[in-house]
Amino acid sequence: MKRMWKIFVKGLVVENPLLMLMIGLCSSVAVTSSVSNGIGMGLAMTFVIVFAELVISLFRKLIPSDARIPIFIIVIAAFTTMVDLSMQAYFPALSKSMGVFIPLIVVNCIIMGRVEAFASKEKPLDAVVDALGMGLGYTWVLIGIAALRELLGNGTLLGARVMPEAFQPILFFILPPGGFMVFALFISLNLWLKKKIATGDAVREAA
């Protein structure tokens, strides 16, 4: 159980795909102009990475090494198509607002990196735990960044006004430069917290 927890927490914090590995930033900036987009993208990504890692781990011994990349892409594409069609059917407004970024999950380097580095080498249960950690780590960062951007850029959260009428929205935060600045703030805060935690652990060990 302790080993599973360590695998799970890696994706949430220690090896967070956005704050630590810093991959998949461009698509993340594009979809975090609103909280609803952040939630939709995060859940879609989590679904795809969990089932892609599970399937690839289950068949890892049968996948030829020379053909592994095309096979990985086919598996990821299958689950991405499921998500895309489901969103179009049940959440058409959200699907429309996110545009091409849901289909582009197929080539998202976070998923491809995890199936190559982890799922193709580890047992199915470990792969699912890793995928959940990475997916939820990706999701909470998207929601946090989207909440700050939407709040400052529009004065709303999930489309509902929460700032006073006198508040003047700061358009900068809705635009890509504002998105990258908020990402930088989150990355800096995460590195600071990680350093504080490491310092505290070192002090406790010394004592």
Protein backbone atom coordinates (compact mmCIF):
# COMPACT_ATOMS: atom_id res chain seq x y z
CA MET A 1 0.00 0.00 0.00
CA LYS A 2 2.84 2.39 0.85
CA ARG A 3 4.46 1.69 -2.52
CA MET A 4 1.17 2.39 -4.32
CA TRP A 5 0.78 5.64 -2.43
CA LYS A 6 4.27 6.74 -3.47
CA ILE A 7 3.45 6.00 -7.12
CA PHE A 8 0.18 7.95 -6.85
CA VAL A 9 1.67 10.98 -5.10
CA LYS A 10 4.44 11.28 -7.69
CA GLY A 11 1.91 12.42 -10.29
CA LEU A 12 0.07 14.72 -7.91
CA VAL A 13 3.09 16.65 -6.68
CA VAL A 14 6.61 15.22 -6.98
CA GLU A 15 6.52 14.59 -10.74
CA ASN A 16 3.46 16.68 -11.58
CA PRO A 17 3.34 16.74 -15.41
CA LEU A 18 2.71 20.49 -15.57
CA LEU A 19 4.51 21.94 -12.55
CA MET A 20 7.55 19.65 -12.40
CA LEU A 21 7.97 17.93 -15.76
CA MET A 22 6.63 21.03 -17.55
CA ILE A 23 5.23 19.16 -20.53
CA GLY A 24 1.93 19.80 -22.29
CA LEU A 25 2.03 23.49 -21.38
CA CYS A 26 0.75 24.97 -24.67
CA SER A 27 -2.53 23.06 -24.78
CA SER A 28 -2.96 23.67 -21.05
CA VAL A 29 -2.64 27.42 -21.46
CA ALA A 30 -5.16 27.31 -24.30
CA VAL A 31 -7.88 25.56 -22.27
CA THR A 32 -7.47 27.29 -18.90
CA SER A 33 -9.24 30.53 -19.78
CA SER A 34 -12.28 29.16 -17.89
CA VAL A 35 -12.82 26.68 -15.06
CA SER A 36 -15.31 24.61 -17.05
CA ASN A 37 -12.72 24.07 -19.77
CA GLY A 38 -10.11 23.13 -17.17
CA ILE A 39 -12.42 20.56 -15.57
CA GLY A 40 -13.44 19.12 -18.95
CA MET A 41 -9.88 18.82 -20.21
CA GLY A 42 -8.60 17.40 -16.94
CA LEU A 43 -11.25 14.69 -16.71
CA ALA A 44 -10.89 13.81 -20.40
CA MET A 45 -7.15 13.51 -20.03
CA THR A 46 -7.49 11.40 -16.87
CA PHE A 47 -9.88 8.98 -18.58
CA VAL A 48 -7.60 8.53 -21.57
CA ILE A 49 -4.37 8.11 -19.62
CA VAL A 50 -5.90 5.62 -17.14
CA PHE A 51 -7.31 3.30 -19.80
CA ALA A 52 -4.37 3.72 -22.17
CA GLU A 53 -1.89 2.79 -19.44
CA LEU A 54 -4.08 -0.13 -18.34
CA VAL A 55 -4.40 -1.62 -21.84
CA ILE A 56 -0.74 -1.14 -22.71
CA SER A 57 0.39 -2.63 -19.41
CA LEU A 58 -1.88 -5.65 -19.89
CA PHE A 59 -0.43 -6.37 -23.33
CA ARG A 60 3.10 -5.05 -22.73
CA LYS A 61 4.72 -8.45 -23.27
CA LEU A 62 2.94 -8.92 -26.59
CA ILE A 63 3.81 -5.53 -28.09
CA PRO A 64 6.85 -5.70 -30.44
CA SER A 65 9.43 -3.10 -29.48
CA ASP A 66 9.82 -1.98 -33.10
CA ALA A 67 6.09 -1.25 -33.42
CA ARG A 68 5.41 0.06 -29.93
CA ILE A 69 4.97 3.76 -30.83
CA PRO A 70 2.28 3.18 -33.53
CA ILE A 71 0.51 0.74 -31.21
CA PHE A 72 0.61 3.26 -28.34
CA ILE A 73 -0.87 5.93 -30.61
CA ILE A 74 -3.67 3.60 -31.78
CA VAL A 75 -4.62 2.74 -28.20
CA ILE A 76 -4.56 6.38 -27.09
CA ALA A 77 -6.52 7.42 -30.19
CA ALA A 78 -9.24 4.86 -29.45
CA PHE A 79 -9.91 6.23 -25.96
CA THR A 80 -9.57 9.83 -27.13
CA THR A 81 -12.23 9.19 -29.77
CA MET A 82 -14.54 7.78 -27.07
CA VAL A 83 -14.09 10.95 -24.99
CA ASP A 84 -14.50 13.27 -27.98
CA LEU A 85 -17.72 11.63 -29.22
CA SER A 86 -19.15 11.44 -25.68
CA MET A 87 -18.51 15.14 -25.11
CA GLN A 88 -20.08 16.05 -28.43
CA ALA A 89 -23.17 14.00 -27.53
CA TYR A 90 -23.65 14.99 -23.88
CA PHE A 91 -21.75 18.27 -23.45
CA PRO A 92 -21.90 19.97 -26.88
CA ALA A 93 -21.26 23.48 -25.55
CA LEU A 94 -18.15 22.37 -23.66
CA SER A 95 -16.97 20.33 -26.65
CA LYS A 96 -17.36 23.35 -28.92
CA SER A 97 -15.55 25.72 -26.55
CA MET A 98 -12.57 23.35 -26.27
CA GLY A 99 -12.40 22.89 -30.03
CA VAL A 100 -9.48 20.87 -31.37
CA PHE A 101 -7.78 20.32 -28.00
CA ILE A 102 -9.75 17.19 -27.11
CA PRO A 103 -8.78 15.34 -30.34
CA LEU A 104 -5.20 16.52 -29.78
CA ILE A 105 -5.01 14.41 -26.61
CA VAL A 106 -3.88 11.66 -29.02
CA VAL A 107 -0.49 13.32 -29.38
CA ASN A 108 -0.25 14.78 -25.88
CA CYS A 109 3.30 14.20 -24.70
CA ILE A 110 2.19 13.55 -21.11
CA ILE A 111 0.27 10.41 -22.07
CA MET A 112 2.84 9.22 -24.58
CA GLY A 113 5.60 9.77 -22.04
CA ARG A 114 3.85 7.77 -19.31
CA VAL A 115 2.90 4.81 -21.49
CA GLU A 116 6.46 4.64 -22.81
CA ALA A 117 8.27 5.20 -19.51
CA PHE A 118 5.92 3.40 -17.11
CA ALA A 119 2.96 1.42 -18.45
CA SER A 120 5.00 -0.53 -21.00
CA LYS A 121 7.28 -1.80 -18.21
CA GLU A 122 5.08 -2.17 -15.11
CA LYS A 123 2.16 -4.30 -13.89
CA PRO A 124 -1.43 -3.20 -14.67
CA LEU A 125 -2.31 -2.13 -11.12
CA ASP A 126 0.84 -0.03 -10.85
CA ALA A 127 0.07 1.50 -14.25
CA VAL A 128 -3.48 2.46 -13.22
CA VAL A 129 -2.25 4.05 -9.97
CA ASP A 130 0.42 5.98 -11.90
CA ALA A 131 -2.15 7.12 -14.45
CA LEU A 132 -4.58 8.28 -11.76
CA GLY A 133 -1.83 10.27 -10.06
CA MET A 134 -0.70 11.89 -13.30
CA GLY A 135 -4.26 12.55 -14.48
CA LEU A 136 -5.46 14.05 -11.20
CA GLY A 137 -2.22 16.01 -10.84
CA TYR A 138 -2.82 17.45 -14.30
CA THR A 139 -6.47 18.16 -13.44
CA TRP A 140 -5.94 20.03 -10.17
CA VAL A 141 -3.33 22.29 -11.74
CA LEU A 142 -5.61 23.07 -14.69
CA ILE A 143 -8.53 23.89 -12.39
CA GLY A 144 -6.40 26.06 -10.11
CA ILE A 145 -4.88 28.03 -12.97
CA ALA A 146 -8.23 28.33 -14.78
CA ALA A 147 -9.92 29.58 -11.59
CA LEU A 148 -7.36 32.36 -11.14
CA ARG A 149 -7.43 33.35 -14.81
CA GLU A 150 -11.23 33.38 -15.04
CA LEU A 151 -11.58 35.26 -11.74
CA LEU A 152 -9.13 38.01 -12.67
CA GLY A 153 -9.91 38.07 -16.38
CA ASN A 154 -13.71 37.95 -16.23
CA GLY A 155 -14.66 38.35 -12.58
CA THR A 156 -16.50 35.00 -12.73
CA LEU A 157 -16.12 31.35 -11.68
CA LEU A 158 -17.84 28.68 -13.79
CA GLY A 159 -19.58 31.54 -15.56
CA ALA A 160 -21.17 32.96 -12.38
CA ARG A 161 -20.13 36.48 -11.33
CA VAL A 162 -18.34 36.48 -7.98
CA MET A 163 -16.47 39.79 -8.12
CA PRO A 164 -18.23 43.09 -7.32
CA GLU A 165 -19.80 45.01 -10.19
CA ALA A 166 -17.15 47.70 -9.70
CA PHE A 167 -14.40 45.19 -10.50
CA GLN A 168 -12.72 45.85 -13.84
CA PRO A 169 -11.69 42.55 -15.50
CA ILE A 170 -8.00 42.33 -16.39
CA LEU A 171 -8.05 41.06 -19.97
CA PHE A 172 -4.35 40.18 -19.79
CA PHE A 173 -5.11 37.06 -17.73
CA ILE A 174 -7.43 35.61 -20.37
CA LEU A 175 -4.81 36.03 -23.11
CA PRO A 176 -1.95 33.52 -23.63
CA PRO A 177 0.75 35.77 -22.03
CA GLY A 178 -1.35 35.96 -18.87
CA GLY A 179 -1.81 32.21 -18.94
CA PHE A 180 1.93 31.59 -19.10
CA MET A 181 2.49 34.09 -16.28
CA VAL A 182 0.00 32.28 -14.03
CA PHE A 183 1.70 28.98 -14.92
CA ALA A 184 5.03 30.51 -13.89
CA LEU A 185 3.55 31.60 -10.55
CA PHE A 186 2.20 28.10 -9.88
CA ILE A 187 5.53 26.51 -10.84
CA SER A 188 7.44 28.92 -8.57
CA LEU A 189 5.07 28.27 -5.65
CA ASN A 190 5.36 24.51 -6.14
CA LEU A 191 9.17 24.65 -6.20
CA TRP A 192 9.16 26.80 -3.04
CA LEU A 193 6.86 24.36 -1.24
CA LYS A 194 8.94 21.39 -2.38
CA LYS A 195 12.08 23.08 -1.03
CA LYS A 196 10.40 23.84 2.30
CA ILE A 197 9.22 20.23 2.62
CA ALA A 198 12.70 18.90 1.76
CA THR A 199 14.28 21.26 4.35
CA GLY A 200 11.80 20.14 7.01
CA ASP A 201 12.50 16.48 6.26
CA ALA A 202 16.26 17.08 6.50
CA VAL A 203 15.87 18.84 9.86
CA ARG A 204 13.74 15.99 11.25
CA GLU A 205 16.26 13.39 10.08
CA ALA A 206 19.14 15.35 11.66
CA ALA A 207 17.24 15.57 14.95
